């Protein structure tokens, strides 16, 4: 899974960079804008953002401001803080996922298209629900991992 994610993110970065390069060269050097290029770049850009967030969830490397960790002394306290953080992340993520699911159902029903090339925007809209589902799976995995480590630590202490 990690190898697939690395390849996907690399491919998306290359596609977006190439699209932006072509846009700059054609628009500002050749003075001939390519119609619809912004529309086509939007899809890999959006998927890049969402896949990057999923990758950060997979690596558990989201930016955190755990000020409380400064005041906590033991590993048990740090694990409990991690569990609380994962639960809050899960609650907020599931709430956002419910909104994303409603929006995806709406996007499916309406089936909008981009203005120039008539590309269905559903393929960009669905990225949010896919990304949130994957992020919630990783969050749940880390929550279970923290709970198990807390249980194991308490079991070995007794």
Protein backbone atom coordinates (compact mmCIF):
# COMPACT_ATOMS: atom_id res chain seq x y z
CA UNK A 1 0.00 0.00 0.00
CA UNK A 2 2.85 2.37 0.84
CA UNK A 3 4.49 1.81 -2.55
CA UNK A 4 1.20 2.44 -4.36
CA UNK A 5 0.66 5.65 -2.39
CA UNK A 6 4.16 6.90 -3.20
CA UNK A 7 3.71 6.16 -6.90
CA UNK A 8 0.26 7.77 -6.99
CA UNK A 9 1.40 10.93 -5.20
CA UNK A 10 4.49 11.18 -7.42
CA UNK A 11 2.41 10.77 -10.57
CA UNK A 12 -0.10 13.39 -9.41
CA UNK A 13 2.68 15.85 -8.54
CA UNK A 14 4.26 15.33 -11.96
CA UNK A 15 0.94 15.78 -13.77
CA UNK A 16 0.15 18.99 -11.87
CA UNK A 17 3.67 20.38 -12.36
CA UNK A 18 3.64 19.53 -16.07
CA UNK A 19 0.21 21.12 -16.47
CA UNK A 20 1.33 24.29 -14.73
CA UNK A 21 4.51 24.37 -16.83
CA UNK A 22 2.51 24.06 -20.05
CA UNK A 23 0.12 26.74 -18.80
CA UNK A 24 2.94 29.21 -18.07
CA UNK A 25 4.78 28.56 -21.34
CA UNK A 26 1.71 28.77 -23.56
CA UNK A 27 0.09 31.71 -21.80
CA UNK A 28 3.03 33.94 -20.94
CA UNK A 29 5.74 32.96 -23.42
CA UNK A 30 3.75 32.02 -26.50
CA UNK A 31 0.80 34.30 -25.66
CA UNK A 32 -1.60 31.46 -26.62
CA UNK A 33 -3.62 30.19 -23.67
CA UNK A 34 -4.73 26.56 -23.82
CA UNK A 35 -8.48 26.45 -23.35
CA UNK A 36 -9.61 24.13 -20.58
CA UNK A 37 -6.17 23.47 -19.13
CA UNK A 38 -7.21 24.87 -15.74
CA UNK A 39 -10.18 22.51 -15.75
CA UNK A 40 -8.07 19.46 -16.44
CA UNK A 41 -5.41 20.41 -13.87
CA UNK A 42 -8.11 20.81 -11.21
CA UNK A 43 -8.78 17.06 -11.07
CA UNK A 44 -5.25 15.81 -10.32
CA UNK A 45 -4.67 18.81 -8.02
CA UNK A 46 -7.71 18.00 -5.92
CA UNK A 47 -6.84 14.31 -5.79
CA UNK A 48 -3.27 15.26 -4.85
CA UNK A 49 -4.48 17.28 -1.86
CA UNK A 50 -6.82 14.54 -0.69
CA UNK A 51 -4.30 11.73 -1.23
CA UNK A 52 -1.70 13.80 0.61
CA UNK A 53 -4.03 14.10 3.58
CA UNK A 54 -4.70 10.36 3.47
CA UNK A 55 -0.95 9.72 3.34
CA UNK A 56 -0.44 11.96 6.39
CA UNK A 57 -3.12 9.93 8.19
CA UNK A 58 -1.44 6.69 7.17
CA UNK A 59 1.93 7.92 8.44
CA UNK A 60 0.28 9.55 11.47
CA UNK A 61 2.21 12.71 10.60
CA UNK A 62 -0.47 15.39 10.66
CA UNK A 63 0.60 18.65 12.25
CA UNK A 64 -0.45 18.65 15.89
CA UNK A 65 -0.25 21.23 18.61
CA UNK A 66 -0.09 18.93 21.62
CA UNK A 67 0.72 21.51 24.24
CA UNK A 68 -0.55 19.15 26.93
CA UNK A 69 2.33 16.74 26.23
CA UNK A 70 4.67 19.22 27.91
CA UNK A 71 2.86 18.80 31.21
CA UNK A 72 2.40 15.04 31.02
CA UNK A 73 5.12 12.98 32.66
CA UNK A 74 4.38 9.30 32.06
CA UNK A 75 3.94 7.21 28.92
CA UNK A 76 0.50 6.19 30.20
CA UNK A 77 -0.60 9.84 30.25
CA UNK A 78 0.76 10.36 26.73
CA UNK A 79 -1.13 7.29 25.51
CA UNK A 80 -4.36 8.49 27.12
CA UNK A 81 -3.89 11.89 25.47
CA UNK A 82 -3.33 10.13 22.14
CA UNK A 83 -6.53 8.12 22.63
CA UNK A 84 -8.52 11.27 23.42
CA UNK A 85 -7.03 12.96 20.34
CA UNK A 86 -7.89 10.01 18.11
CA UNK A 87 -11.46 9.92 19.45
CA UNK A 88 -11.90 13.64 18.78
CA UNK A 89 -10.42 13.20 15.30
CA UNK A 90 -12.76 10.29 14.67
CA UNK A 91 -15.85 12.20 15.81
CA UNK A 92 -15.01 15.28 13.74
CA UNK A 93 -13.97 13.15 10.77
CA UNK A 94 -17.19 11.11 10.83
CA UNK A 95 -19.20 14.31 11.06
CA UNK A 96 -17.35 15.70 8.01
CA UNK A 97 -17.74 12.36 6.28
CA UNK A 98 -21.52 12.55 6.68
CA UNK A 99 -21.48 15.97 5.00
CA UNK A 100 -19.16 14.71 2.27
CA UNK A 101 -21.45 11.74 1.68
CA UNK A 102 -24.48 14.02 1.33
CA UNK A 103 -22.55 16.23 -1.07
CA UNK A 104 -21.41 13.21 -3.11
CA UNK A 105 -24.99 11.98 -3.38
CA UNK A 106 -26.00 15.47 -4.53
CA UNK A 107 -23.13 15.57 -7.05
CA UNK A 108 -24.20 12.18 -8.41
CA UNK A 109 -27.80 13.32 -8.75
CA UNK A 110 -27.03 16.68 -10.38
CA UNK A 111 -24.06 15.47 -12.48
CA UNK A 112 -22.52 18.87 -13.18
CA UNK A 113 -19.96 19.34 -15.92
CA UNK A 114 -17.02 21.69 -16.31
CA UNK A 115 -17.79 24.78 -18.38
CA UNK A 116 -15.30 24.37 -21.24
CA UNK A 117 -14.58 20.67 -21.71
CA UNK A 118 -17.79 19.29 -20.15
CA UNK A 119 -15.87 16.93 -17.89
CA UNK A 120 -18.15 15.61 -15.11
CA UNK A 121 -17.17 17.30 -11.85
CA UNK A 122 -18.30 14.22 -9.95
CA UNK A 123 -14.80 12.75 -10.42
CA UNK A 124 -13.40 15.62 -8.38
CA UNK A 125 -16.31 15.74 -5.93
CA UNK A 126 -15.97 12.07 -4.97
CA UNK A 127 -12.36 12.60 -3.86
CA UNK A 128 -13.47 14.11 -0.57
CA UNK A 129 -15.62 11.18 0.51
CA UNK A 130 -12.98 8.65 -0.59
CA UNK A 131 -10.27 10.54 1.28
CA UNK A 132 -12.31 10.92 4.45
CA UNK A 133 -13.22 7.22 4.48
CA UNK A 134 -9.55 6.28 4.23
CA UNK A 135 -8.54 8.85 6.86
CA UNK A 136 -11.18 7.53 9.27
CA UNK A 137 -9.93 3.97 8.70
CA UNK A 138 -6.37 5.02 9.57
CA UNK A 139 -7.60 7.02 12.57
CA UNK A 140 -9.54 3.99 13.80
CA UNK A 141 -6.44 1.82 13.32
CA UNK A 142 -4.31 4.18 15.41
CA UNK A 143 -7.03 4.42 18.06
CA UNK A 144 -7.11 0.63 18.41
CA UNK A 145 -3.31 0.56 18.50
CA UNK A 146 -3.22 3.13 21.34
CA UNK A 147 -5.93 1.31 23.30
CA UNK A 148 -4.03 -1.98 22.94
CA UNK A 149 -0.78 -0.40 24.07
CA UNK A 150 -2.54 1.12 27.09
CA UNK A 151 -4.11 -2.25 27.93
CA UNK A 152 -0.79 -4.03 27.53
CA UNK A 153 0.96 -1.47 29.73
CA UNK A 154 -1.68 -1.80 32.44
CA UNK A 155 -1.60 -5.61 32.17
CA UNK A 156 2.15 -5.72 32.62
CA UNK A 157 1.98 -3.27 35.53
CA UNK A 158 -0.32 -5.58 37.48
